[in-house]
mmCIF file of all heavy atoms, coordinates in Angstrom:
data_MODEL
# 
_entry.id   MODEL 
# 
loop_
_atom_site.group_PDB 
_atom_site.id 
_atom_site.type_symbol 
_atom_site.label_atom_id 
_atom_site.label_alt_id 
_atom_site.label_comp_id 
_atom_site.label_asym_id 
_atom_site.label_entity_id 
_atom_site.label_seq_id 
_atom_site.pdbx_PDB_ins_code 
_atom_site.Cartn_x 
_atom_site.Cartn_y 
_atom_site.Cartn_z 
_atom_site.occupancy 
_atom_site.B_iso_or_equiv 
_atom_site.pdbx_formal_charge 
_atom_site.auth_seq_id 
_atom_site.auth_comp_id 
_atom_site.auth_asym_id 
_atom_site.auth_atom_id 
_atom_site.pdbx_PDB_model_num 
ATOM 1   N N   . SER A 1 1  ? -15.711 127.208 -284.493 1.00 0.00 ? 1  SER A N   1 
ATOM 2   C CA  . SER A 1 1  ? -14.757 126.232 -283.962 1.00 0.00 ? 1  SER A CA  1 
ATOM 3   C C   . SER A 1 1  ? -15.174 124.803 -284.299 1.00 0.00 ? 1  SER A C   1 
ATOM 4   O O   . SER A 1 1  ? -14.326 123.943 -284.536 1.00 0.00 ? 1  SER A O   1 
ATOM 5   C CB  . SER A 1 1  ? -14.610 126.399 -282.443 1.00 0.00 ? 1  SER A CB  1 
ATOM 6   O OG  . SER A 1 1  ? -15.852 126.173 -281.793 1.00 0.00 ? 1  SER A OG  1 
ATOM 7   N N   . THR A 1 2  ? -16.479 124.550 -284.337 1.00 0.00 ? 2  THR A N   1 
ATOM 8   C CA  . THR A 1 2  ? -16.963 123.218 -284.714 1.00 0.00 ? 2  THR A CA  1 
ATOM 9   C C   . THR A 1 2  ? -16.647 122.931 -286.172 1.00 0.00 ? 2  THR A C   1 
ATOM 10  O O   . THR A 1 2  ? -16.104 121.870 -286.508 1.00 0.00 ? 2  THR A O   1 
ATOM 11  C CB  . THR A 1 2  ? -18.476 123.102 -284.471 1.00 0.00 ? 2  THR A CB  1 
ATOM 12  O OG1 . THR A 1 2  ? -18.758 123.265 -283.082 1.00 0.00 ? 2  THR A OG1 1 
ATOM 13  C CG2 . THR A 1 2  ? -18.987 121.738 -284.922 1.00 0.00 ? 2  THR A CG2 1 
ATOM 14  N N   . PHE A 1 3  ? -16.998 123.868 -287.049 1.00 0.00 ? 3  PHE A N   1 
ATOM 15  C CA  . PHE A 1 3  ? -16.782 123.675 -288.482 1.00 0.00 ? 3  PHE A CA  1 
ATOM 16  C C   . PHE A 1 3  ? -15.312 123.418 -288.786 1.00 0.00 ? 3  PHE A C   1 
ATOM 17  O O   . PHE A 1 3  ? -14.960 122.463 -289.494 1.00 0.00 ? 3  PHE A O   1 
ATOM 18  C CB  . PHE A 1 3  ? -17.280 124.900 -289.251 1.00 0.00 ? 3  PHE A CB  1 
ATOM 19  C CG  . PHE A 1 3  ? -17.205 124.744 -290.744 1.00 0.00 ? 3  PHE A CG  1 
ATOM 20  C CD1 . PHE A 1 3  ? -18.275 124.210 -291.439 1.00 0.00 ? 3  PHE A CD1 1 
ATOM 21  C CD2 . PHE A 1 3  ? -16.078 125.129 -291.451 1.00 0.00 ? 3  PHE A CD2 1 
ATOM 22  C CE1 . PHE A 1 3  ? -18.213 124.061 -292.821 1.00 0.00 ? 3  PHE A CE1 1 
ATOM 23  C CE2 . PHE A 1 3  ? -16.004 124.984 -292.824 1.00 0.00 ? 3  PHE A CE2 1 
ATOM 24  C CZ  . PHE A 1 3  ? -17.074 124.448 -293.518 1.00 0.00 ? 3  PHE A CZ  1 
ATOM 25  N N   . LEU A 1 4  ? -14.432 124.259 -288.249 1.00 0.00 ? 4  LEU A N   1 
ATOM 26  C CA  . LEU A 1 4  ? -12.999 124.119 -288.532 1.00 0.00 ? 4  LEU A CA  1 
ATOM 27  C C   . LEU A 1 4  ? -12.381 122.948 -287.780 1.00 0.00 ? 4  LEU A C   1 
ATOM 28  O O   . LEU A 1 4  ? -11.510 122.250 -288.306 1.00 0.00 ? 4  LEU A O   1 
ATOM 29  C CB  . LEU A 1 4  ? -12.266 125.414 -288.175 1.00 0.00 ? 4  LEU A CB  1 
ATOM 30  C CG  . LEU A 1 4  ? -12.668 126.659 -288.967 1.00 0.00 ? 4  LEU A CG  1 
ATOM 31  C CD1 . LEU A 1 4  ? -11.899 127.885 -288.469 1.00 0.00 ? 4  LEU A CD1 1 
ATOM 32  C CD2 . LEU A 1 4  ? -12.435 126.451 -290.458 1.00 0.00 ? 4  LEU A CD2 1 
ATOM 33  N N   . GLY A 1 5  ? -12.855 122.715 -286.542 1.00 0.00 ? 5  GLY A N   1 
ATOM 34  C CA  . GLY A 1 5  ? -12.246 121.683 -285.715 1.00 0.00 ? 5  GLY A CA  1 
ATOM 35  C C   . GLY A 1 5  ? -12.520 120.264 -286.167 1.00 0.00 ? 5  GLY A C   1 
ATOM 36  O O   . GLY A 1 5  ? -11.703 119.365 -285.922 1.00 0.00 ? 5  GLY A O   1 
ATOM 37  N N   . ILE A 1 6  ? -13.657 120.039 -286.845 1.00 0.00 ? 6  ILE A N   1 
ATOM 38  C CA  . ILE A 1 6  ? -13.982 118.674 -287.262 1.00 0.00 ? 6  ILE A CA  1 
ATOM 39  C C   . ILE A 1 6  ? -13.481 118.366 -288.673 1.00 0.00 ? 6  ILE A C   1 
ATOM 40  O O   . ILE A 1 6  ? -13.626 117.232 -289.135 1.00 0.00 ? 6  ILE A O   1 
ATOM 41  C CB  . ILE A 1 6  ? -15.500 118.402 -287.181 1.00 0.00 ? 6  ILE A CB  1 
ATOM 42  C CG1 . ILE A 1 6  ? -16.279 119.271 -288.179 1.00 0.00 ? 6  ILE A CG1 1 
ATOM 43  C CG2 . ILE A 1 6  ? -16.004 118.609 -285.761 1.00 0.00 ? 6  ILE A CG2 1 
ATOM 44  C CD1 . ILE A 1 6  ? -17.775 118.986 -288.186 1.00 0.00 ? 6  ILE A CD1 1 
ATOM 45  N N   . ILE A 1 7  ? -12.893 119.350 -289.332 1.00 0.00 ? 7  ILE A N   1 
ATOM 46  C CA  . ILE A 1 7  ? -12.431 119.121 -290.705 1.00 0.00 ? 7  ILE A CA  1 
ATOM 47  C C   . ILE A 1 7  ? -11.409 117.988 -290.806 1.00 0.00 ? 7  ILE A C   1 
ATOM 48  O O   . ILE A 1 7  ? -11.550 117.118 -291.684 1.00 0.00 ? 7  ILE A O   1 
ATOM 49  C CB  . ILE A 1 7  ? -11.871 120.423 -291.315 1.00 0.00 ? 7  ILE A CB  1 
ATOM 50  C CG1 . ILE A 1 7  ? -13.029 121.364 -291.681 1.00 0.00 ? 7  ILE A CG1 1 
ATOM 51  C CG2 . ILE A 1 7  ? -11.033 120.136 -292.559 1.00 0.00 ? 7  ILE A CG2 1 
ATOM 52  C CD1 . ILE A 1 7  ? -12.579 122.709 -292.218 1.00 0.00 ? 7  ILE A CD1 1 
ATOM 53  N N   . PRO A 1 8  ? -10.364 117.947 -289.955 1.00 0.00 ? 8  PRO A N   1 
ATOM 54  C CA  . PRO A 1 8  ? -9.367  116.865 -290.127 1.00 0.00 ? 8  PRO A CA  1 
ATOM 55  C C   . PRO A 1 8  ? -9.968  115.468 -290.086 1.00 0.00 ? 8  PRO A C   1 
ATOM 56  O O   . PRO A 1 8  ? -9.730  114.650 -290.985 1.00 0.00 ? 8  PRO A O   1 
ATOM 57  C CB  . PRO A 1 8  ? -8.397  117.097 -288.959 1.00 0.00 ? 8  PRO A CB  1 
ATOM 58  C CG  . PRO A 1 8  ? -8.505  118.559 -288.663 1.00 0.00 ? 8  PRO A CG  1 
ATOM 59  C CD  . PRO A 1 8  ? -9.953  118.887 -288.883 1.00 0.00 ? 8  PRO A CD  1 
ATOM 60  N N   . GLY A 1 9  ? -10.752 115.178 -289.048 1.00 0.00 ? 9  GLY A N   1 
ATOM 61  C CA  . GLY A 1 9  ? -11.353 113.852 -288.944 1.00 0.00 ? 9  GLY A CA  1 
ATOM 62  C C   . GLY A 1 9  ? -12.345 113.582 -290.052 1.00 0.00 ? 9  GLY A C   1 
ATOM 63  O O   . GLY A 1 9  ? -12.409 112.462 -290.580 1.00 0.00 ? 9  GLY A O   1 
ATOM 64  N N   . ALA A 1 10 ? -13.114 114.613 -290.426 1.00 0.00 ? 10 ALA A N   1 
ATOM 65  C CA  . ALA A 1 10 ? -14.104 114.429 -291.481 1.00 0.00 ? 10 ALA A CA  1 
ATOM 66  C C   . ALA A 1 10 ? -13.445 114.119 -292.819 1.00 0.00 ? 10 ALA A C   1 
ATOM 67  O O   . ALA A 1 10 ? -13.930 113.277 -293.584 1.00 0.00 ? 10 ALA A O   1 
ATOM 68  C CB  . ALA A 1 10 ? -14.980 115.683 -291.602 1.00 0.00 ? 10 ALA A CB  1 
ATOM 69  N N   . VAL A 1 11 ? -12.350 114.785 -293.117 1.00 0.00 ? 11 VAL A N   1 
ATOM 70  C CA  . VAL A 1 11 ? -11.652 114.535 -294.379 1.00 0.00 ? 11 VAL A CA  1 
ATOM 71  C C   . VAL A 1 11 ? -11.127 113.109 -294.424 1.00 0.00 ? 11 VAL A C   1 
ATOM 72  O O   . VAL A 1 11 ? -11.214 112.425 -295.459 1.00 0.00 ? 11 VAL A O   1 
ATOM 73  C CB  . VAL A 1 11 ? -10.512 115.546 -294.576 1.00 0.00 ? 11 VAL A CB  1 
ATOM 74  C CG1 . VAL A 1 11 ? -9.622  115.135 -295.745 1.00 0.00 ? 11 VAL A CG1 1 
ATOM 75  C CG2 . VAL A 1 11 ? -11.075 116.941 -294.825 1.00 0.00 ? 11 VAL A CG2 1 
ATOM 76  N N   . VAL A 1 12 ? -10.586 112.630 -293.303 1.00 0.00 ? 12 VAL A N   1 
ATOM 77  C CA  . VAL A 1 12 ? -10.055 111.265 -293.256 1.00 0.00 ? 12 VAL A CA  1 
ATOM 78  C C   . VAL A 1 12 ? -11.162 110.251 -293.538 1.00 0.00 ? 12 VAL A C   1 
ATOM 79  O O   . VAL A 1 12 ? -11.028 109.377 -294.410 1.00 0.00 ? 12 VAL A O   1 
ATOM 80  C CB  . VAL A 1 12 ? -9.406  110.979 -291.884 1.00 0.00 ? 12 VAL A CB  1 
ATOM 81  C CG1 . VAL A 1 12 ? -9.039  109.496 -291.767 1.00 0.00 ? 12 VAL A CG1 1 
ATOM 82  C CG2 . VAL A 1 12 ? -8.169  111.833 -291.688 1.00 0.00 ? 12 VAL A CG2 1 
ATOM 83  N N   . TYR A 1 13 ? -12.272 110.352 -292.811 1.00 0.00 ? 13 TYR A N   1 
ATOM 84  C CA  . TYR A 1 13 ? -13.341 109.369 -292.969 1.00 0.00 ? 13 TYR A CA  1 
ATOM 85  C C   . TYR A 1 13 ? -14.067 109.530 -294.304 1.00 0.00 ? 13 TYR A C   1 
ATOM 86  O O   . TYR A 1 13 ? -14.545 108.550 -294.883 1.00 0.00 ? 13 TYR A O   1 
ATOM 87  C CB  . TYR A 1 13 ? -14.334 109.474 -291.809 1.00 0.00 ? 13 TYR A CB  1 
ATOM 88  C CG  . TYR A 1 13 ? -13.808 108.861 -290.539 1.00 0.00 ? 13 TYR A CG  1 
ATOM 89  C CD1 . TYR A 1 13 ? -13.730 109.591 -289.359 1.00 0.00 ? 13 TYR A CD1 1 
ATOM 90  C CD2 . TYR A 1 13 ? -13.383 107.542 -290.519 1.00 0.00 ? 13 TYR A CD2 1 
ATOM 91  C CE1 . TYR A 1 13 ? -13.248 109.029 -288.188 1.00 0.00 ? 13 TYR A CE1 1 
ATOM 92  C CE2 . TYR A 1 13 ? -12.897 106.968 -289.358 1.00 0.00 ? 13 TYR A CE2 1 
ATOM 93  C CZ  . TYR A 1 13 ? -12.828 107.715 -288.200 1.00 0.00 ? 13 TYR A CZ  1 
ATOM 94  O OH  . TYR A 1 13 ? -12.342 107.161 -287.054 1.00 0.00 ? 13 TYR A OH  1 
ATOM 95  N N   . THR A 1 14 ? -14.155 110.759 -294.812 1.00 0.00 ? 14 THR A N   1 
ATOM 96  C CA  . THR A 1 14 ? -14.766 110.957 -296.121 1.00 0.00 ? 14 THR A CA  1 
ATOM 97  C C   . THR A 1 14 ? -13.918 110.300 -297.207 1.00 0.00 ? 14 THR A C   1 
ATOM 98  O O   . THR A 1 14 ? -14.449 109.707 -298.158 1.00 0.00 ? 14 THR A O   1 
ATOM 99  C CB  . THR A 1 14 ? -14.936 112.453 -296.428 1.00 0.00 ? 14 THR A CB  1 
ATOM 100 O OG1 . THR A 1 14 ? -15.680 113.080 -295.376 1.00 0.00 ? 14 THR A OG1 1 
ATOM 101 C CG2 . THR A 1 14 ? -15.697 112.660 -297.737 1.00 0.00 ? 14 THR A CG2 1 
ATOM 102 N N   . SER A 1 15 ? -12.598 110.419 -297.066 1.00 0.00 ? 15 SER A N   1 
ATOM 103 C CA  . SER A 1 15 ? -11.711 109.786 -298.049 1.00 0.00 ? 15 SER A CA  1 
ATOM 104 C C   . SER A 1 15 ? -11.826 108.271 -297.991 1.00 0.00 ? 15 SER A C   1 
ATOM 105 O O   . SER A 1 15 ? -11.734 107.587 -299.024 1.00 0.00 ? 15 SER A O   1 
ATOM 106 C CB  . SER A 1 15 ? -10.254 110.221 -297.810 1.00 0.00 ? 15 SER A CB  1 
ATOM 107 O OG  . SER A 1 15 ? -9.771  109.747 -296.565 1.00 0.00 ? 15 SER A OG  1 
ATOM 108 N N   . VAL A 1 16 ? -12.037 107.723 -296.783 1.00 0.00 ? 16 VAL A N   1 
ATOM 109 C CA  . VAL A 1 16 ? -12.288 106.279 -296.663 1.00 0.00 ? 16 VAL A CA  1 
ATOM 110 C C   . VAL A 1 16 ? -13.569 105.928 -297.405 1.00 0.00 ? 16 VAL A C   1 
ATOM 111 O O   . VAL A 1 16 ? -13.638 104.930 -298.139 1.00 0.00 ? 16 VAL A O   1 
ATOM 112 C CB  . VAL A 1 16 ? -12.389 105.861 -295.184 1.00 0.00 ? 16 VAL A CB  1 
ATOM 113 C CG1 . VAL A 1 16 ? -12.831 104.405 -295.068 1.00 0.00 ? 16 VAL A CG1 1 
ATOM 114 C CG2 . VAL A 1 16 ? -11.049 106.058 -294.480 1.00 0.00 ? 16 VAL A CG2 1 
ATOM 115 N N   . GLY A 1 17 ? -14.602 106.749 -297.219 1.00 0.00 ? 17 GLY A N   1 
ATOM 116 C CA  . GLY A 1 17 ? -15.854 106.503 -297.921 1.00 0.00 ? 17 GLY A CA  1 
ATOM 117 C C   . GLY A 1 17 ? -15.714 106.591 -299.429 1.00 0.00 ? 17 GLY A C   1 
ATOM 118 O O   . GLY A 1 17 ? -16.361 105.842 -300.165 1.00 0.00 ? 17 GLY A O   1 
ATOM 119 N N   . ALA A 1 18 ? -14.838 107.501 -299.893 1.00 0.00 ? 18 ALA A N   1 
ATOM 120 C CA  . ALA A 1 18 ? -14.638 107.643 -301.339 1.00 0.00 ? 18 ALA A CA  1 
ATOM 121 C C   . ALA A 1 18 ? -14.038 106.388 -301.955 1.00 0.00 ? 18 ALA A C   1 
ATOM 122 O O   . ALA A 1 18 ? -14.185 106.152 -303.162 1.00 0.00 ? 18 ALA A O   1 
ATOM 123 C CB  . ALA A 1 18 ? -13.744 108.847 -301.613 1.00 0.00 ? 18 ALA A CB  1 
ATOM 124 N N   . GLY A 1 19 ? -13.369 105.576 -301.148 1.00 0.00 ? 19 GLY A N   1 
ATOM 125 C CA  . GLY A 1 19 ? -12.777 104.338 -301.655 1.00 0.00 ? 19 GLY A CA  1 
ATOM 126 C C   . GLY A 1 19 ? -13.614 103.101 -301.396 1.00 0.00 ? 19 GLY A C   1 
ATOM 127 O O   . GLY A 1 19 ? -13.132 101.971 -301.589 1.00 0.00 ? 19 GLY A O   1 
ATOM 128 N N   . LEU A 1 20 ? -14.857 103.299 -300.983 1.00 0.00 ? 20 LEU A N   1 
ATOM 129 C CA  . LEU A 1 20 ? -15.699 102.147 -300.640 1.00 0.00 ? 20 LEU A CA  1 
ATOM 130 C C   . LEU A 1 20 ? -16.048 101.284 -301.846 1.00 0.00 ? 20 LEU A C   1 
ATOM 131 O O   . LEU A 1 20 ? -16.344 100.102 -301.682 1.00 0.00 ? 20 LEU A O   1 
ATOM 132 C CB  . LEU A 1 20 ? -16.995 102.621 -299.966 1.00 0.00 ? 20 LEU A CB  1 
ATOM 133 C CG  . LEU A 1 20 ? -16.892 102.996 -298.490 1.00 0.00 ? 20 LEU A CG  1 
ATOM 134 C CD1 . LEU A 1 20 ? -18.255 103.403 -297.953 1.00 0.00 ? 20 LEU A CD1 1 
ATOM 135 C CD2 . LEU A 1 20 ? -16.328 101.845 -297.667 1.00 0.00 ? 20 LEU A CD2 1 
ATOM 136 N N   . GLY A 1 21 ? -16.025 101.873 -303.049 1.00 0.00 ? 21 GLY A N   1 
ATOM 137 C CA  . GLY A 1 21 ? -16.334 101.068 -304.231 1.00 0.00 ? 21 GLY A CA  1 
ATOM 138 C C   . GLY A 1 21 ? -15.410 99.870  -304.343 1.00 0.00 ? 21 GLY A C   1 
ATOM 139 O O   . GLY A 1 21 ? -15.860 98.736  -304.574 1.00 0.00 ? 21 GLY A O   1 
ATOM 140 N N   . GLN A 1 22 ? -14.123 100.090 -304.154 1.00 0.00 ? 22 GLN A N   1 
ATOM 141 C CA  . GLN A 1 22 ? -13.153 98.998  -304.211 1.00 0.00 ? 22 GLN A CA  1 
ATOM 142 C C   . GLN A 1 22 ? -13.314 98.051  -303.033 1.00 0.00 ? 22 GLN A C   1 
ATOM 143 O O   . GLN A 1 22 ? -13.125 96.834  -303.172 1.00 0.00 ? 22 GLN A O   1 
ATOM 144 C CB  . GLN A 1 22 ? -11.738 99.576  -304.240 1.00 0.00 ? 22 GLN A CB  1 
ATOM 145 C CG  . GLN A 1 22 ? -11.450 100.438 -305.465 1.00 0.00 ? 22 GLN A CG  1 
ATOM 146 C CD  . GLN A 1 22 ? -10.071 101.050 -305.416 1.00 0.00 ? 22 GLN A CD  1 
ATOM 147 O OE1 . GLN A 1 22 ? -9.372  100.964 -304.401 1.00 0.00 ? 22 GLN A OE1 1 
ATOM 148 N NE2 . GLN A 1 22 ? -9.666  101.680 -306.505 1.00 0.00 ? 22 GLN A NE2 1 
ATOM 149 N N   . VAL A 1 23 ? -13.666 98.609  -301.868 1.00 0.00 ? 23 VAL A N   1 
ATOM 150 C CA  . VAL A 1 23 ? -13.883 97.773  -300.686 1.00 0.00 ? 23 VAL A CA  1 
ATOM 151 C C   . VAL A 1 23 ? -15.065 96.831  -300.929 1.00 0.00 ? 23 VAL A C   1 
ATOM 152 O O   . VAL A 1 23 ? -15.005 95.639  -300.602 1.00 0.00 ? 23 VAL A O   1 
ATOM 153 C CB  . VAL A 1 23 ? -14.140 98.649  -299.438 1.00 0.00 ? 23 VAL A CB  1 
ATOM 154 C CG1 . VAL A 1 23 ? -14.520 97.777  -298.236 1.00 0.00 ? 23 VAL A CG1 1 
ATOM 155 C CG2 . VAL A 1 23 ? -12.916 99.490  -299.120 1.00 0.00 ? 23 VAL A CG2 1 
ATOM 156 N N   . PHE A 1 24 ? -16.137 97.353  -301.509 1.00 0.00 ? 24 PHE A N   1 
ATOM 157 C CA  . PHE A 1 24 ? -17.306 96.518  -301.802 1.00 0.00 ? 24 PHE A CA  1 
ATOM 158 C C   . PHE A 1 24 ? -16.956 95.412  -302.794 1.00 0.00 ? 24 PHE A C   1 
ATOM 159 O O   . PHE A 1 24 ? -17.411 94.269  -302.649 1.00 0.00 ? 24 PHE A O   1 
ATOM 160 C CB  . PHE A 1 24 ? -18.436 97.375  -302.365 1.00 0.00 ? 24 PHE A CB  1 
ATOM 161 C CG  . PHE A 1 24 ? -19.066 98.302  -301.354 1.00 0.00 ? 24 PHE A CG  1 
ATOM 162 C CD1 . PHE A 1 24 ? -19.426 99.595  -301.707 1.00 0.00 ? 24 PHE A CD1 1 
ATOM 163 C CD2 . PHE A 1 24 ? -19.300 97.878  -300.062 1.00 0.00 ? 24 PHE A CD2 1 
ATOM 164 C CE1 . PHE A 1 24 ? -20.011 100.440 -300.796 1.00 0.00 ? 24 PHE A CE1 1 
ATOM 165 C CE2 . PHE A 1 24 ? -19.881 98.722  -299.123 1.00 0.00 ? 24 PHE A CE2 1 
ATOM 166 C CZ  . PHE A 1 24 ? -20.234 100.002 -299.495 1.00 0.00 ? 24 PHE A CZ  1 
ATOM 167 N N   . GLU A 1 25 ? -16.165 95.743  -303.788 1.00 0.00 ? 25 GLU A N   1 
ATOM 168 C CA  . GLU A 1 25 ? -15.788 94.753  -304.794 1.00 0.00 ? 25 GLU A CA  1 
ATOM 169 C C   . GLU A 1 25 ? -14.984 93.607  -304.180 1.00 0.00 ? 25 GLU A C   1 
ATOM 170 O O   . GLU A 1 25 ? -15.095 92.458  -304.610 1.00 0.00 ? 25 GLU A O   1 
ATOM 171 C CB  . GLU A 1 25 ? -14.984 95.423  -305.905 1.00 0.00 ? 25 GLU A CB  1 
ATOM 172 C CG  . GLU A 1 25 ? -15.799 96.380  -306.769 1.00 0.00 ? 25 GLU A CG  1 
ATOM 173 C CD  . GLU A 1 25 ? -14.939 97.065  -307.818 1.00 0.00 ? 25 GLU A CD  1 
ATOM 174 O OE1 . GLU A 1 25 ? -13.713 96.772  -307.854 1.00 0.00 ? 25 GLU A OE1 1 
ATOM 175 O OE2 . GLU A 1 25 ? -15.465 97.890  -308.584 1.00 0.00 ? 25 GLU A OE2 1 
# 
């Protein structure tokens, strides 16, 4: 339940992290 339940929030914040290169620039 932990693994599956945290997927939605984790995907959102991970995708934010994936765009940090542009944020840093």
